Amino acid sequence: MSRVCELTGKRAMVGNNVSHAMNKTKRKFNANLVKKRFFLPEEDRWVTLKVCTSALKDINKKGITAVIKEAKAKGFLQK
């Protein structure tokens, strides 16, 4: 499975390493992903998701049910 956040759709970006002499070589900026288990009280079950840390901040702020509802509406989550 690729390194993509399941709730926000964040994925790796491409950029350059720039040396002091301004030489540029290609590199990847991977999303900061964490594999985490969440409990869904309305479904009474645990769900394991690969989420970025900014999505974790959203979950702490809004709640897991609201964030999953938004992800389904945007098409990031198919469950």
N, C-alpha and C. Protein backbone atom coordinates (compact mmCIF):
# COMPACT_ATOMS: atom_id res chain seq x y z
N MET A 1 0.84 -1.18 0.00
CA MET A 1 0.00 0.00 0.00
C MET A 1 0.89 1.24 0.00
N SER A 2 0.47 2.24 -0.76
CA SER A 2 1.29 3.43 -0.88
C SER A 2 1.17 4.31 0.36
N ARG A 3 2.08 5.27 0.45
CA ARG A 3 2.11 6.15 1.61
C ARG A 3 1.14 7.31 1.39
N VAL A 4 -0.16 7.01 1.62
CA VAL A 4 -1.21 8.00 1.44
C VAL A 4 -2.09 7.98 2.68
N CYS A 5 -2.43 9.16 3.18
CA CYS A 5 -3.33 9.27 4.33
C CYS A 5 -4.73 8.85 3.89
N GLU A 6 -5.36 7.98 4.67
CA GLU A 6 -6.67 7.46 4.30
C GLU A 6 -7.80 8.45 4.58
N LEU A 7 -7.56 9.47 5.39
CA LEU A 7 -8.61 10.42 5.72
C LEU A 7 -8.49 11.73 4.95
N THR A 8 -7.28 12.18 4.68
CA THR A 8 -7.11 13.47 4.00
C THR A 8 -6.61 13.33 2.57
N GLY A 9 -6.05 12.18 2.21
CA GLY A 9 -5.54 11.99 0.86
C GLY A 9 -4.15 12.56 0.64
N LYS A 10 -3.49 12.99 1.72
CA LYS A 10 -2.13 13.51 1.58
C LYS A 10 -1.20 12.41 1.09
N ARG A 11 -0.28 12.76 0.20
CA ARG A 11 0.67 11.79 -0.34
C ARG A 11 2.04 12.44 -0.50
N ALA A 12 3.01 11.68 -0.98
CA ALA A 12 4.37 12.18 -1.11
C ALA A 12 4.44 13.29 -2.16
N MET A 13 5.27 14.30 -1.87
CA MET A 13 5.54 15.37 -2.82
C MET A 13 6.96 15.22 -3.32
N VAL A 14 7.26 15.83 -4.46
CA VAL A 14 8.59 15.75 -5.06
C VAL A 14 9.22 17.13 -4.99
N GLY A 15 10.51 17.15 -4.66
CA GLY A 15 11.24 18.41 -4.58
C GLY A 15 12.72 18.19 -4.82
N ASN A 16 13.53 19.12 -4.36
CA ASN A 16 14.97 19.06 -4.58
C ASN A 16 15.72 19.14 -3.27
N ASN A 17 16.83 18.39 -3.18
CA ASN A 17 17.85 18.66 -2.19
C ASN A 17 18.74 19.75 -2.78
N VAL A 18 19.00 20.80 -2.04
CA VAL A 18 19.81 21.89 -2.56
C VAL A 18 21.05 22.01 -1.68
N SER A 19 22.21 21.84 -2.30
CA SER A 19 23.46 21.92 -1.55
C SER A 19 23.88 23.39 -1.40
N HIS A 20 24.94 23.59 -0.64
CA HIS A 20 25.47 24.94 -0.44
C HIS A 20 25.92 25.55 -1.76
N ALA A 21 26.38 24.70 -2.68
CA ALA A 21 26.82 25.17 -4.00
C ALA A 21 25.65 25.26 -4.98
N MET A 22 24.41 25.13 -4.46
CA MET A 22 23.18 25.23 -5.24
C MET A 22 23.01 24.10 -6.26
N ASN A 23 23.66 22.95 -6.01
CA ASN A 23 23.40 21.77 -6.83
C ASN A 23 22.07 21.17 -6.39
N LYS A 24 21.26 20.77 -7.36
CA LYS A 24 19.93 20.26 -7.04
C LYS A 24 19.81 18.80 -7.45
N THR A 25 19.36 17.96 -6.52
CA THR A 25 19.07 16.56 -6.81
C THR A 25 17.65 16.27 -6.34
N LYS A 26 16.97 15.42 -7.07
CA LYS A 26 15.57 15.12 -6.75
C LYS A 26 15.45 14.36 -5.44
N ARG A 27 14.36 14.61 -4.71
CA ARG A 27 14.06 13.89 -3.48
C ARG A 27 12.56 13.85 -3.27
N LYS A 28 12.13 13.03 -2.31
CA LYS A 28 10.72 12.90 -1.98
C LYS A 28 10.45 13.44 -0.59
N PHE A 29 9.34 14.13 -0.44
CA PHE A 29 8.85 14.55 0.87
C PHE A 29 7.67 13.67 1.19
N ASN A 30 7.87 12.64 2.03
CA ASN A 30 6.80 11.72 2.37
C ASN A 30 5.88 12.36 3.42
N ALA A 31 4.62 11.95 3.38
CA ALA A 31 3.66 12.39 4.39
C ALA A 31 4.03 11.73 5.71
N ASN A 32 3.79 12.43 6.81
CA ASN A 32 4.09 11.92 8.14
C ASN A 32 2.94 11.01 8.59
N LEU A 33 3.03 9.72 8.24
CA LEU A 33 1.94 8.79 8.47
C LEU A 33 2.14 7.96 9.73
N VAL A 34 1.02 7.65 10.38
CA VAL A 34 1.00 6.84 11.59
C VAL A 34 -0.12 5.82 11.44
N LYS A 35 0.16 4.57 11.79
CA LYS A 35 -0.88 3.55 11.78
C LYS A 35 -1.54 3.56 13.16
N LYS A 36 -2.86 3.81 13.22
CA LYS A 36 -3.53 4.04 14.49
C LYS A 36 -4.89 3.35 14.50
N ARG A 37 -5.26 2.84 15.69
CA ARG A 37 -6.58 2.22 15.88
C ARG A 37 -7.52 3.23 16.51
N PHE A 38 -8.75 3.28 16.00
CA PHE A 38 -9.77 4.17 16.52
C PHE A 38 -11.01 3.35 16.85
N PHE A 39 -11.70 3.73 17.91
CA PHE A 39 -12.94 3.06 18.28
C PHE A 39 -14.12 3.90 17.79
N LEU A 40 -15.01 3.26 17.02
CA LEU A 40 -16.22 3.92 16.53
C LEU A 40 -17.38 3.52 17.42
N PRO A 41 -17.86 4.41 18.30
CA PRO A 41 -18.90 4.02 19.26
C PRO A 41 -20.24 3.69 18.61
N GLU A 42 -20.60 4.39 17.52
CA GLU A 42 -21.91 4.11 16.91
C GLU A 42 -21.93 2.76 16.19
N GLU A 43 -20.75 2.28 15.73
CA GLU A 43 -20.67 0.96 15.10
C GLU A 43 -20.17 -0.10 16.08
N ASP A 44 -19.70 0.32 17.25
CA ASP A 44 -19.20 -0.55 18.32
C ASP A 44 -18.10 -1.48 17.81
N ARG A 45 -17.10 -0.87 17.12
CA ARG A 45 -15.97 -1.65 16.61
C ARG A 45 -14.73 -0.77 16.51
N TRP A 46 -13.58 -1.44 16.40
CA TRP A 46 -12.29 -0.78 16.23
C TRP A 46 -11.95 -0.74 14.74
N VAL A 47 -11.33 0.36 14.31
CA VAL A 47 -10.90 0.52 12.92
C VAL A 47 -9.44 0.94 12.93
N THR A 48 -8.61 0.29 12.10
CA THR A 48 -7.21 0.67 11.96
C THR A 48 -7.06 1.49 10.69
N LEU A 49 -6.50 2.69 10.83
CA LEU A 49 -6.31 3.59 9.70
C LEU A 49 -4.87 4.06 9.65
N LYS A 50 -4.39 4.31 8.43
CA LYS A 50 -3.08 4.93 8.25
C LYS A 50 -3.33 6.41 7.98
N VAL A 51 -3.06 7.25 8.99
CA VAL A 51 -3.40 8.67 8.91
C VAL A 51 -2.17 9.53 9.11
N CYS A 52 -2.20 10.74 8.55
CA CYS A 52 -1.12 11.69 8.78
C CYS A 52 -1.36 12.38 10.12
N THR A 53 -0.33 12.97 10.65
CA THR A 53 -0.43 13.57 11.98
C THR A 53 -1.34 14.79 11.98
N SER A 54 -1.47 15.47 10.85
CA SER A 54 -2.42 16.59 10.81
C SER A 54 -3.85 16.08 10.89
N ALA A 55 -4.12 14.88 10.36
CA ALA A 55 -5.45 14.28 10.50
C ALA A 55 -5.71 13.89 11.95
N LEU A 56 -4.67 13.48 12.68
CA LEU A 56 -4.83 13.18 14.10
C LEU A 56 -5.25 14.43 14.87
N LYS A 57 -4.70 15.59 14.51
CA LYS A 57 -5.10 16.84 15.15
C LYS A 57 -6.56 17.15 14.85
N ASP A 58 -7.00 16.88 13.62
CA ASP A 58 -8.41 17.08 13.27
C ASP A 58 -9.31 16.15 14.06
N ILE A 59 -8.87 14.90 14.24
CA ILE A 59 -9.66 13.92 15.00
C ILE A 59 -9.78 14.36 16.45
N ASN A 60 -8.71 14.87 17.03
CA ASN A 60 -8.76 15.36 18.41
C ASN A 60 -9.69 16.56 18.54
N LYS A 61 -9.76 17.37 17.50
CA LYS A 61 -10.57 18.59 17.54
C LYS A 61 -12.04 18.30 17.26
N LYS A 62 -12.33 17.55 16.17
CA LYS A 62 -13.71 17.35 15.71
C LYS A 62 -14.33 16.04 16.17
N GLY A 63 -13.50 15.02 16.38
CA GLY A 63 -14.01 13.69 16.71
C GLY A 63 -13.87 12.77 15.51
N ILE A 64 -13.72 11.48 15.80
CA ILE A 64 -13.47 10.50 14.73
C ILE A 64 -14.67 10.36 13.81
N THR A 65 -15.87 10.42 14.32
CA THR A 65 -17.04 10.21 13.48
C THR A 65 -17.21 11.32 12.45
N ALA A 66 -16.97 12.56 12.86
CA ALA A 66 -17.09 13.69 11.94
C ALA A 66 -16.03 13.65 10.85
N VAL A 67 -14.81 13.27 11.22
CA VAL A 67 -13.71 13.24 10.25
C VAL A 67 -13.93 12.11 9.25
N ILE A 68 -14.40 10.95 9.71
CA ILE A 68 -14.66 9.84 8.81
C ILE A 68 -15.82 10.19 7.87
N LYS A 69 -16.82 10.90 8.37
CA LYS A 69 -17.94 11.32 7.54
C LYS A 69 -17.46 12.25 6.42
N GLU A 70 -16.56 13.20 6.76
CA GLU A 70 -16.01 14.11 5.75
C GLU A 70 -15.17 13.36 4.72
N ALA A 71 -14.37 12.37 5.18
CA ALA A 71 -13.53 11.61 4.27
C ALA A 71 -14.37 10.79 3.29
N LYS A 72 -15.48 10.22 3.77
CA LYS A 72 -16.37 9.48 2.88
C LYS A 72 -17.01 10.40 1.86
N ALA A 73 -17.38 11.62 2.28
CA ALA A 73 -18.00 12.59 1.37
C ALA A 73 -17.02 13.03 0.29
N LYS A 74 -15.74 13.15 0.64
CA LYS A 74 -14.72 13.56 -0.35
C LYS A 74 -14.22 12.39 -1.19
N GLY A 75 -14.55 11.15 -0.78
CA GLY A 75 -14.16 9.99 -1.57
C GLY A 75 -12.83 9.38 -1.19
N PHE A 76 -12.26 9.78 -0.07
CA PHE A 76 -10.98 9.21 0.35
C PHE A 76 -11.16 7.86 1.03
N LEU A 77 -12.29 7.64 1.67
CA LEU A 77 -12.54 6.42 2.44
C LEU A 77 -13.72 5.70 1.80
N GLN A 78 -13.52 4.40 1.48
CA GLN A 78 -14.58 3.66 0.82
C GLN A 78 -15.36 2.76 1.75
N LYS A 79 -15.01 2.70 3.02
CA LYS A 79 -15.65 1.75 3.94
C LYS A 79 -17.07 2.15 4.26
